[in-house]
Amino acid sequence: MARVAVIGGGISGLGTALMLGRRGHPVTLFEQDARQAGEDLERDFFDWRRPRVPQAVQPHSLLAPVRTVLRTESPDVYADLLARGAREYHEFDWFGEHPPHRAGDEQLVTLRTRRIVLEAALIAALRREPTVEVRGGHRVSGLVVDEGRPARVTGVRVGARTHQADLVVDASGRRSPVPGWLVAAGCRPPAVESHRAGIAYLCRWYRLRADGPRDPGQVRTGSAAPFALAGVFPSDNGTFAVNLVLSTGDPTRSALMDPAVFEAVARRFPACAAWLDLDPEPRSAVLAMAGLDNRWTALANEAGPVVTGLISIGDSLIHTNPTLGHGVALGLLAGQYLAGHADEIAADPDGYHAWTVQALRPWFDAQVTADRVNAQRLAEGSPLLDRRAAALAACAFEDPVVMRARAQVRHLVRPAEEAYGTEEVERHLTAWLDARPDFTPQHDGPTRAQWDATIPG
């Protein structure tokens, strides 16, 4: 069994450590933050300042692979997650009555919860796992690298001490120091591909009142204007987030940090207005996140691996702008693959690197493409021009066949060209358009004049 050192205690690090440990591998996880989630979820979420993890307080939708990996690898964690308040939402729940079942439909489930709930469930499981040691408050300061062609990583440095390992897993996130350590050790630099997203996120958290209304009725959770996107993220234990997405260059961005302005603007979008009309209790300030990019950091290229004895997962490997919600799903999928092949990866990482290109890279490329289109549209305030794409989006909420295709793409089951490219989907879309010959793509959010009128002068 390979001895494994994991750098970083985020979702990818925690999940990977647990899956490795349950296969019998001795694992030591190093996390520089001494605090762990779980003792008081509300205090952990709303009061814990985590500047190195800005996404921790942003809304999450945990896609099908998260549920599938947890139910397969750690059903106790999944049960704990639900017990702590996470809720399942099947994409066909929109219709009330589900269509006749097809193979794979059972996968199309979102877990509605805050990230902190998943963190707490994973940490609780790791505390019960005898093969895993979690060292909170221990910051890894470097790698132990043995010379060779390629060089081999044989452990990590923590202060004045070294910790030996057969395999080191970099799960330290999008600001990982590992590439710099490798260069300092004389290794080839990792191959980094980065694309600036040009998008800013602002969100505010609310809680439904125990004695108040709790159901907005059948309303979509997303709305759009030519220059902004808005959405609602129903979550655990009566919480939900209202989220606005706009160009980083939008001149009104700073004004939205005022909660009153944020809420007034959010009410211009039907999705947000329906939830805010439930008179929820505000639970947070307006929380911003920007400076986002899509980054692929490869520890191997055509010349082979940069080093052996080291691989990366999660945001250290593939960091994507969270518009499509891929991060946690891709991190746990990588952790599951690693756990199932740890001994061979420790001996030779080529197979792992090839798997990441085959299994994960296509979703990175899809995010880059989507972000390029969105960033340009939001910056320019461009109208919707693609009639077929707009029709697919609208038709999905009326036709279960098209909704199935939409859900398969959303949940990383099939790429868009496969899911939407079938004769069946084309037939249903054509019928839907034939019944609406005057269909024209349009937004349901405010005009620019309405938006600007809501912003104080």
Protein backbone atom coordinates (compact mmCIF):
# COMPACT_ATOMS: atom_id res chain seq x y z
CA MET A 1 0.00 0.00 0.00
CA ALA A 2 1.32 3.45 -0.96
CA ARG A 3 1.97 5.95 1.81
CA VAL A 4 0.28 9.17 0.72
CA ALA A 5 0.71 12.77 1.83
CA VAL A 6 -2.11 15.13 0.85
CA ILE A 7 -1.45 18.89 0.79
CA GLY A 8 -4.65 20.81 1.47
CA GLY A 9 -7.86 20.15 3.36
CA GLY A 10 -10.48 21.46 0.96
CA ILE A 11 -13.20 19.24 -0.48
CA SER A 12 -10.86 17.53 -2.96
CA GLY A 13 -8.20 16.90 -0.32
CA LEU A 14 -10.66 15.62 2.27
CA GLY A 15 -12.51 13.39 -0.16
CA THR A 16 -9.33 11.98 -1.67
CA ALA A 17 -7.82 11.25 1.74
CA LEU A 18 -10.97 9.42 2.80
CA MET A 19 -11.19 7.32 -0.36
CA LEU A 20 -7.49 6.41 -0.15
CA GLY A 21 -7.74 5.54 3.52
CA ARG A 22 -10.72 3.29 3.00
CA ARG A 23 -8.71 1.31 0.49
CA GLY A 24 -6.05 0.74 3.14
CA HIS A 25 -3.49 3.38 2.17
CA PRO A 26 -1.85 5.19 5.11
CA VAL A 27 -2.65 8.88 4.52
CA THR A 28 -1.47 12.06 6.20
CA LEU A 29 -3.35 15.21 5.27
CA PHE A 30 -1.73 18.59 5.97
CA GLU A 31 -3.98 21.65 6.25
CA GLN A 32 -2.55 25.00 7.30
CA ASP A 33 -5.82 26.19 8.88
CA ALA A 34 -6.16 24.74 12.39
CA ARG A 35 -9.93 25.19 12.39
CA GLN A 36 -12.18 22.45 11.03
CA ALA A 37 -15.84 22.55 10.08
CA GLY A 38 -18.46 20.71 12.05
CA GLU A 39 -18.90 21.97 15.58
CA ASP A 40 -21.37 24.73 14.68
CA LEU A 41 -22.31 24.89 11.01
CA GLU A 42 -23.94 28.32 11.20
CA ARG A 43 -20.99 29.91 12.96
CA ASP A 44 -18.57 28.06 10.68
CA PHE A 45 -20.32 29.34 7.59
CA PHE A 46 -21.19 32.92 8.50
CA ASP A 47 -18.38 33.86 10.90
CA TRP A 48 -15.31 31.94 9.76
CA ARG A 49 -13.10 34.26 7.71
CA ARG A 50 -11.31 32.18 5.06
CA PRO A 51 -9.46 34.54 2.70
CA ARG A 52 -7.60 31.65 1.03
CA VAL A 53 -10.92 29.98 0.19
CA PRO A 54 -13.14 32.77 -1.20
CA GLN A 55 -15.48 30.23 -2.80
CA ALA A 56 -16.37 28.79 0.62
CA VAL A 57 -19.12 31.37 1.18
CA GLN A 58 -20.33 31.44 -2.41
CA PRO A 59 -23.35 29.30 -3.37
CA HIS A 60 -22.78 25.77 -4.60
CA SER A 61 -24.78 23.25 -6.61
CA LEU A 62 -23.30 19.81 -6.10
CA LEU A 63 -23.80 17.97 -9.37
CA ALA A 64 -24.51 14.30 -10.04
CA PRO A 65 -20.89 13.07 -9.83
CA VAL A 66 -20.68 14.34 -6.24
CA ARG A 67 -23.69 12.25 -5.26
CA THR A 68 -22.53 9.24 -7.27
CA VAL A 69 -18.99 9.24 -5.85
CA LEU A 70 -20.18 9.68 -2.27
CA ARG A 71 -22.85 6.98 -2.51
CA THR A 72 -20.34 4.59 -4.07
CA GLU A 73 -17.30 5.31 -1.92
CA SER A 74 -18.70 6.52 1.38
CA PRO A 75 -22.46 6.00 1.81
CA ASP A 76 -22.11 6.96 5.48
CA VAL A 77 -20.89 10.40 4.43
CA TYR A 78 -23.79 10.75 2.04
CA ALA A 79 -26.28 9.80 4.76
CA ASP A 80 -24.63 12.28 7.13
CA LEU A 81 -24.81 14.99 4.49
CA LEU A 82 -28.57 14.50 4.18
CA ALA A 83 -28.96 14.32 7.95
CA ARG A 84 -27.22 17.70 8.23
CA GLY A 85 -29.80 19.26 5.93
CA ALA A 86 -28.62 18.78 2.34
CA ARG A 87 -31.51 18.14 -0.05
CA GLU A 88 -31.80 16.18 -3.27
CA TYR A 89 -33.36 17.85 -6.28
CA HIS A 90 -34.00 15.78 -9.39
CA GLU A 91 -34.12 17.78 -12.62
CA PHE A 92 -37.50 16.19 -13.43
CA ASP A 93 -38.94 17.53 -10.18
CA TRP A 94 -39.67 20.65 -12.20
CA PHE A 95 -42.53 18.78 -13.89
CA GLY A 96 -44.07 17.45 -10.69
CA GLU A 97 -44.59 14.04 -12.28
CA HIS A 98 -41.49 12.40 -13.70
CA PRO A 99 -41.56 10.96 -17.23
CA PRO A 100 -41.09 7.21 -17.77
CA HIS A 101 -37.69 6.24 -16.42
CA ARG A 102 -34.71 5.72 -18.72
CA ALA A 103 -31.33 4.31 -17.80
CA GLY A 104 -29.22 7.08 -16.30
CA ASP A 105 -32.12 9.27 -15.17
CA GLU A 106 -31.31 8.36 -11.58
CA GLN A 107 -28.06 10.32 -11.92
CA LEU A 108 -29.66 13.66 -12.72
CA VAL A 109 -29.80 14.91 -9.14
CA THR A 110 -28.40 18.10 -7.64
CA LEU A 111 -27.50 18.25 -3.97
CA ARG A 112 -28.70 21.56 -2.60
CA THR A 113 -26.41 22.52 0.23
CA ARG A 114 -23.75 24.93 1.34
CA ARG A 115 -20.18 23.77 0.90
CA ILE A 116 -19.61 23.82 4.67
CA VAL A 117 -22.09 20.97 5.16
CA LEU A 118 -20.12 18.67 2.86
CA GLU A 119 -16.87 19.71 4.55
CA ALA A 120 -18.30 18.86 7.96
CA ALA A 121 -19.54 15.43 6.83
CA LEU A 122 -16.16 14.56 5.28
CA ILE A 123 -14.20 15.69 8.33
CA ALA A 124 -16.46 13.69 10.64
CA ALA A 125 -15.79 10.59 8.55
CA LEU A 126 -12.03 11.19 8.51
CA ARG A 127 -12.00 11.38 12.30
CA ARG A 128 -13.38 7.83 12.32
CA GLU A 129 -10.88 6.54 9.75
CA PRO A 130 -7.90 4.82 11.41
CA THR A 131 -5.72 4.93 8.29
CA VAL A 132 -5.93 8.73 7.91
CA GLU A 133 -4.28 11.38 10.06
CA VAL A 134 -5.43 14.97 9.60
CA ARG A 135 -2.84 17.50 10.76
CA GLY A 136 -4.63 20.82 11.07
CA GLY A 137 -2.51 23.91 11.58
CA HIS A 138 0.41 22.32 9.71
CA ARG A 139 1.57 24.26 6.66
CA VAL A 140 3.61 22.39 4.07
CA SER A 141 6.56 24.59 3.16
CA GLY A 142 8.21 22.56 0.40
CA LEU A 143 8.80 19.22 -1.28
CA VAL A 144 11.49 16.62 -0.79
CA VAL A 145 12.85 16.00 -4.28
CA ASP A 146 15.36 13.31 -5.25
CA GLU A 147 17.43 13.87 -8.39
CA GLY A 148 16.70 11.87 -11.49
CA ARG A 149 15.27 12.06 -15.01
CA PRO A 150 12.62 12.87 -14.15
CA ALA A 151 13.19 13.81 -10.53
CA ARG A 152 11.09 12.09 -7.89
CA VAL A 153 9.16 13.67 -5.04
CA THR A 154 9.58 11.55 -1.92
CA GLY A 155 7.85 13.66 0.71
CA VAL A 156 6.99 17.10 2.02
CA ARG A 157 8.60 19.61 4.37
CA VAL A 158 6.59 20.92 7.28
CA GLY A 159 8.60 23.48 9.17
CA ALA A 160 11.94 21.93 10.08
CA ARG A 161 10.65 18.39 9.61
CA THR A 162 10.21 16.17 6.60
CA HIS A 163 7.44 13.66 6.04
CA GLN A 164 8.24 10.77 3.71
CA ALA A 165 5.63 9.50 1.25
CA ASP A 166 5.40 7.21 -1.76
CA LEU A 167 2.98 9.66 -3.35
CA VAL A 168 2.31 13.35 -2.68
CA VAL A 169 -1.07 14.75 -3.71
CA ASP A 170 -1.32 18.49 -4.32
CA ALA A 171 -4.83 19.54 -3.31
CA SER A 172 -3.82 23.02 -2.19
CA GLY A 173 -6.08 24.87 -4.63
CA ARG A 174 -5.82 27.42 -7.39
CA ARG A 175 -3.06 29.33 -5.58
CA SER A 176 -0.95 26.20 -5.16
CA PRO A 177 2.72 26.86 -4.36
CA VAL A 178 3.75 23.49 -5.80
CA PRO A 179 4.65 24.70 -9.34
CA GLY A 180 7.05 27.23 -7.81
CA TRP A 181 8.60 24.57 -5.57
CA LEU A 182 9.21 22.33 -8.58
CA VAL A 183 10.95 25.08 -10.52
CA ALA A 184 13.07 25.94 -7.48
CA ALA A 185 14.10 22.27 -7.30
CA GLY A 186 15.35 22.40 -10.90
CA CYS A 187 12.40 20.63 -12.51
CA ARG A 188 10.68 21.67 -15.72
CA PRO A 189 7.81 24.05 -14.96
CA PRO A 190 4.31 22.60 -15.21
CA ALA A 191 2.42 23.45 -18.39
CA VAL A 192 -0.15 26.07 -17.40
CA GLU A 193 -3.02 27.17 -19.63
CA SER A 194 -4.99 30.10 -18.23
CA HIS A 195 -7.98 32.04 -19.53
CA ARG A 196 -9.27 35.10 -17.67
CA ALA A 197 -13.03 34.87 -17.12
CA GLY A 198 -13.77 38.61 -16.89
CA ILE A 199 -16.76 37.89 -14.65
CA ALA A 200 -17.54 38.99 -11.08
CA TYR A 201 -19.86 37.29 -8.59
CA LEU A 202 -21.88 38.88 -5.83
CA CYS A 203 -24.15 36.95 -3.52
CA ARG A 204 -26.16 37.42 -0.35
CA TRP A 205 -27.47 34.69 1.94
CA TYR A 206 -30.97 34.53 3.39
CA ARG A 207 -32.91 32.18 5.64
CA LEU A 208 -36.61 31.44 5.31
CA ARG A 209 -38.50 32.37 8.44
CA ALA A 210 -39.89 29.44 10.45
CA ASP A 211 -43.29 31.11 10.68
CA GLY A 212 -43.31 32.46 7.14
CA PRO A 213 -43.89 31.15 3.61
CA ARG A 214 -41.32 28.64 2.38
CA ASP A 215 -42.26 27.86 -1.22
CA PRO A 216 -42.04 30.34 -4.11
CA GLY A 217 -44.01 28.00 -6.36
CA GLN A 218 -42.87 26.83 -9.76
CA VAL A 219 -40.28 29.43 -10.68
CA ARG A 220 -36.99 28.96 -12.47
CA THR A 221 -33.93 29.61 -10.37
CA GLY A 222 -32.17 31.61 -13.10
CA SER A 223 -32.88 34.90 -14.89
CA ALA A 224 -30.86 37.01 -17.29
CA ALA A 225 -30.38 40.51 -18.65
CA PRO A 226 -28.12 41.33 -21.61
CA PHE A 227 -25.39 42.50 -19.21
CA ALA A 228 -26.03 40.41 -16.07
CA LEU A 229 -27.10 36.98 -14.86
CA ALA A 230 -29.05 36.32 -11.69
CA GLY A 231 -29.93 33.18 -9.83
CA VAL A 232 -31.20 31.67 -6.62
CA PHE A 233 -29.49 28.74 -4.93
CA PRO A 234 -31.91 26.91 -2.59
CA SER A 235 -29.78 25.27 0.04
CA ASP A 236 -29.83 23.38 3.34
CA ASN A 237 -31.78 24.15 6.51
CA GLY A 238 -33.95 26.87 5.02
CA THR A 239 -31.06 28.90 3.61
CA PHE A 240 -30.74 30.21 0.08
CA ALA A 241 -28.42 32.56 -1.78
CA VAL A 242 -29.25 35.24 -4.31
CA ASN A 243 -26.45 35.58 -6.83
CA LEU A 244 -25.63 38.25 -9.43
CA VAL A 245 -23.00 37.80 -12.16
CA LEU A 246 -21.73 40.67 -14.27
CA SER A 247 -18.67 41.87 -16.13
CA THR A 248 -15.72 42.90 -13.99
CA GLY A 249 -15.78 46.17 -15.91
CA ASP A 250 -19.40 47.03 -15.11
CA PRO A 251 -19.44 50.56 -13.63
CA THR A 252 -22.20 49.71 -11.14
CA ARG A 253 -20.37 46.76 -9.60
CA SER A 254 -19.13 48.54 -6.48
CA ALA A 255 -22.58 50.01 -5.74
CA LEU A 256 -23.98 46.48 -5.47
CA MET A 257 -21.96 45.89 -2.31
CA ASP A 258 -24.64 47.92 -0.50
CA PRO A 259 -27.20 45.28 0.62
CA ALA A 260 -30.16 47.58 -0.09
CA VAL A 261 -28.93 48.28 -3.62
CA PHE A 262 -28.11 44.61 -4.19
CA GLU A 263 -31.59 43.52 -3.16
CA ALA A 264 -33.33 46.22 -5.17
CA VAL A 265 -31.43 45.17 -8.29
CA ALA A 266 -32.00 41.47 -7.60
CA ARG A 267 -35.74 42.07 -7.43
CA ARG A 268 -35.61 43.17 -11.07
CA PHE A 269 -35.09 39.48 -11.96
CA PRO A 270 -38.12 37.15 -11.70
CA ALA A 271 -36.13 34.27 -10.20
CA CYS A 272 -34.80 36.41 -7.35
CA ALA A 273 -38.01 38.38 -6.79
CA ALA A 274 -40.03 35.22 -6.22
CA TRP A 275 -37.75 34.13 -3.38
CA LEU A 276 -37.26 37.59 -1.87
CA ASP A 277 -41.03 38.00 -1.78
CA LEU A 278 -41.08 35.21 0.86
CA ASP A 279 -39.74 37.83 3.31
CA PRO A 280 -36.63 35.87 4.31
CA GLU A 281 -34.18 36.92 7.01
CA PRO A 282 -30.94 38.35 5.55
CA ARG A 283 -28.01 36.39 6.96
CA SER A 284 -24.94 37.92 5.35
CA ALA A 285 -23.44 40.99 3.82
CA VAL A 286 -23.01 41.08 0.05
CA LEU A 287 -20.12 38.71 -0.67
CA ALA A 288 -18.01 39.34 -3.75
CA MET A 289 -15.65 37.13 -5.72
CA ALA A 290 -13.69 38.17 -8.80
CA GLY A 291 -10.24 37.73 -10.31
CA LEU A 292 -11.40 34.42 -11.75
CA ASP A 293 -9.84 32.41 -14.50
CA ASN A 294 -9.96 28.94 -15.97
CA ARG A 295 -6.61 27.26 -15.42
CA TRP A 296 -5.28 23.87 -16.42
CA THR A 297 -1.99 22.96 -14.71
CA ALA A 298 -0.41 19.85 -16.20
CA LEU A 299 2.44 18.03 -14.47
CA ALA A 300 3.15 16.22 -17.74
CA ASN A 301 3.44 17.07 -21.42
CA GLU A 302 4.79 15.46 -24.59
CA ALA A 303 8.19 15.15 -22.87
CA GLY A 304 6.65 13.08 -20.09
CA PRO A 305 5.99 13.83 -16.41
CA VAL A 306 7.66 16.83 -14.78
CA VAL A 307 8.32 14.61 -11.75
CA THR A 308 7.17 11.28 -10.40
CA GLY A 309 5.79 10.74 -6.92
CA LEU A 310 3.54 13.80 -7.24
CA ILE A 311 0.15 14.44 -8.81
CA SER A 312 -2.41 17.22 -8.47
CA ILE A 313 -6.18 17.17 -8.05
CA GLY A 314 -8.99 19.67 -7.60
CA ASP A 315 -8.25 23.32 -8.33
CA SER A 316 -4.51 22.60 -8.33
CA LEU A 317 -5.12 20.64 -11.52
CA ILE A 318 -8.24 22.12 -13.07
CA HIS A 319 -9.65 25.39 -11.81
CA THR A 320 -12.83 26.58 -13.52
CA ASN A 321 -14.96 29.66 -13.12
CA PRO A 322 -17.92 28.38 -11.05
CA THR A 323 -20.65 29.38 -13.52
CA LEU A 324 -21.30 25.73 -14.41
CA GLY A 325 -20.58 24.36 -10.93
CA HIS A 326 -18.00 21.79 -12.02
CA GLY A 327 -15.33 22.23 -9.33
CA VAL A 328 -16.39 19.85 -6.55
CA ALA A 329 -17.58 17.23 -9.04
CA LEU A 330 -14.32 17.16 -10.99
CA GLY A 331 -12.28 17.13 -7.78
CA LEU A 332 -14.08 14.10 -6.36
CA LEU A 333 -13.95 12.25 -9.67
CA ALA A 334 -10.18 12.72 -9.74
CA GLY A 335 -9.94 11.60 -6.12
CA GLN A 336 -11.93 8.46 -6.86
CA TYR A 337 -9.71 7.56 -9.81
CA LEU A 338 -6.60 8.19 -7.77
CA ALA A 339 -7.83 6.07 -4.88
CA GLY A 340 -8.51 3.16 -7.22
CA HIS A 341 -5.06 3.32 -8.84
CA ALA A 342 -2.82 4.72 -6.10
CA ASP A 343 -0.11 2.06 -6.16
CA GLU A 344 0.42 2.25 -9.90
CA ILE A 345 0.25 6.06 -9.87
CA ALA A 346 2.87 6.15 -7.13
CA ALA A 347 5.13 4.03 -9.34
CA ASP A 348 4.37 5.89 -12.58
CA PRO A 349 1.95 8.85 -12.92
CA ASP A 350 1.61 8.62 -16.72
CA GLY A 351 -1.69 6.76 -16.53
CA TYR A 352 -3.19 9.36 -14.21
CA HIS A 353 -2.08 12.24 -16.40
CA ALA A 354 -3.57 10.54 -19.47
CA TRP A 355 -6.83 9.93 -17.61
CA THR A 356 -7.17 13.58 -16.61
CA VAL A 357 -6.79 14.67 -20.23
CA GLN A 358 -9.39 12.15 -21.39
CA ALA A 359 -11.92 12.50 -18.56
CA LEU A 360 -11.56 16.05 -17.24
CA ARG A 361 -10.03 18.21 -19.96
CA PRO A 362 -13.19 18.28 -22.15
CA TRP A 363 -15.14 19.94 -19.34
CA PHE A 364 -12.39 22.52 -18.91
CA ASP A 365 -12.56 23.32 -22.63
CA ALA A 366 -16.35 23.61 -22.46
CA GLN A 367 -16.08 26.08 -19.58
CA VAL A 368 -13.51 28.18 -21.44
CA THR A 369 -15.80 28.36 -24.48
CA ALA A 370 -18.86 29.26 -22.41
CA ASP A 371 -16.97 31.91 -20.48
CA ARG A 372 -15.61 33.53 -23.61
CA VAL A 373 -19.15 33.94 -24.94
CA ASN A 374 -20.59 35.08 -21.60
CA ALA A 375 -17.82 37.56 -20.83
CA GLN A 376 -18.20 39.23 -24.21
CA ARG A 377 -21.99 39.31 -23.99
CA LEU A 378 -22.03 40.74 -20.46
CA ALA A 379 -19.37 43.35 -21.27
CA GLU A 380 -21.18 44.49 -24.41
CA GLY A 381 -24.74 44.02 -23.17
CA SER A 382 -25.39 41.97 -26.28
CA PRO A 383 -28.87 40.59 -27.00
CA LEU A 384 -29.51 36.89 -27.39
CA LEU A 385 -28.97 36.04 -31.05
CA ASP A 386 -28.79 32.25 -31.16
CA ARG A 387 -32.42 31.28 -31.69
CA ARG A 388 -31.82 27.54 -31.46
CA ALA A 389 -29.86 27.76 -28.20
CA ALA A 390 -32.51 30.03 -26.67
CA ALA A 391 -35.24 27.67 -27.86
CA LEU A 392 -33.47 24.66 -26.33
CA ALA A 393 -33.23 26.49 -23.01
CA ALA A 394 -36.91 27.44 -23.03
CA CYS A 395 -38.16 24.12 -24.39
CA ALA A 396 -36.38 22.14 -21.67
CA PHE A 397 -38.79 23.51 -19.05
CA GLU A 398 -41.78 22.26 -21.03
CA ASP A 399 -40.49 19.04 -22.60
CA PRO A 400 -38.92 16.24 -20.50
CA VAL A 401 -36.95 14.91 -23.48
CA VAL A 402 -35.13 18.20 -23.90
CA MET A 403 -34.84 18.59 -20.12
CA ARG A 404 -33.10 15.21 -19.99
CA ALA A 405 -30.53 16.39 -22.54
CA ARG A 406 -30.03 19.65 -20.64
CA ALA A 407 -29.57 17.75 -17.38
CA GLN A 408 -27.09 15.32 -18.92
CA VAL A 409 -24.89 18.23 -19.96
CA ARG A 410 -25.29 20.03 -16.66
CA HIS A 411 -24.39 16.92 -14.65
CA LEU A 412 -21.32 15.95 -16.72
CA VAL A 413 -22.98 12.83 -18.10
CA ARG A 414 -22.69 13.73 -21.80
CA PRO A 415 -21.12 16.63 -23.71
CA ALA A 416 -23.53 19.12 -25.25
CA GLU A 417 -22.97 18.00 -28.83
CA GLU A 418 -23.98 14.44 -27.91
CA ALA A 419 -26.87 15.22 -25.59
CA TYR A 420 -28.51 17.82 -27.84
CA GLY A 421 -27.44 16.22 -31.12
CA THR A 422 -29.87 13.30 -31.16
CA GLU A 423 -32.71 12.91 -33.65
CA GLU A 424 -35.16 12.71 -30.74
CA VAL A 425 -34.14 16.05 -29.27
CA GLU A 426 -34.16 17.67 -32.69
CA ARG A 427 -37.65 16.30 -33.35
CA HIS A 428 -39.01 17.62 -30.06
CA LEU A 429 -37.36 21.01 -30.51
CA THR A 430 -38.69 21.34 -34.06
CA ALA A 431 -42.22 20.56 -32.86
CA TRP A 432 -41.88 23.10 -30.07
CA LEU A 433 -40.73 25.81 -32.51
CA ASP A 434 -43.41 24.90 -35.06
CA ALA A 435 -46.00 25.57 -32.35
CA ARG A 436 -44.37 28.98 -31.70
CA PRO A 437 -43.50 30.43 -35.13
CA ASP A 438 -43.00 33.89 -33.63
CA PHE A 439 -40.53 32.73 -30.96
CA THR A 440 -37.78 35.31 -30.50
CA PRO A 441 -34.94 35.03 -27.99
CA GLN A 442 -35.41 37.49 -25.16
CA HIS A 443 -34.27 38.14 -21.61
CA ASP A 444 -36.53 38.11 -18.57
CA GLY A 445 -34.34 40.52 -16.58
CA PRO A 446 -34.20 44.31 -16.60
CA THR A 447 -33.10 46.57 -19.39
CA ARG A 448 -29.94 48.60 -18.87
CA ALA A 449 -32.06 51.70 -18.22
CA GLN A 450 -34.08 49.89 -15.55
CA TRP A 451 -30.91 48.53 -13.93
CA ASP A 452 -29.21 51.94 -13.87
CA ALA A 453 -32.35 53.59 -12.47
CA THR A 454 -32.15 51.23 -9.49
CA ILE A 455 -28.58 52.27 -8.70
CA PRO A 456 -28.33 55.44 -6.56
CA GLY A 457 -26.84 58.39 -8.45
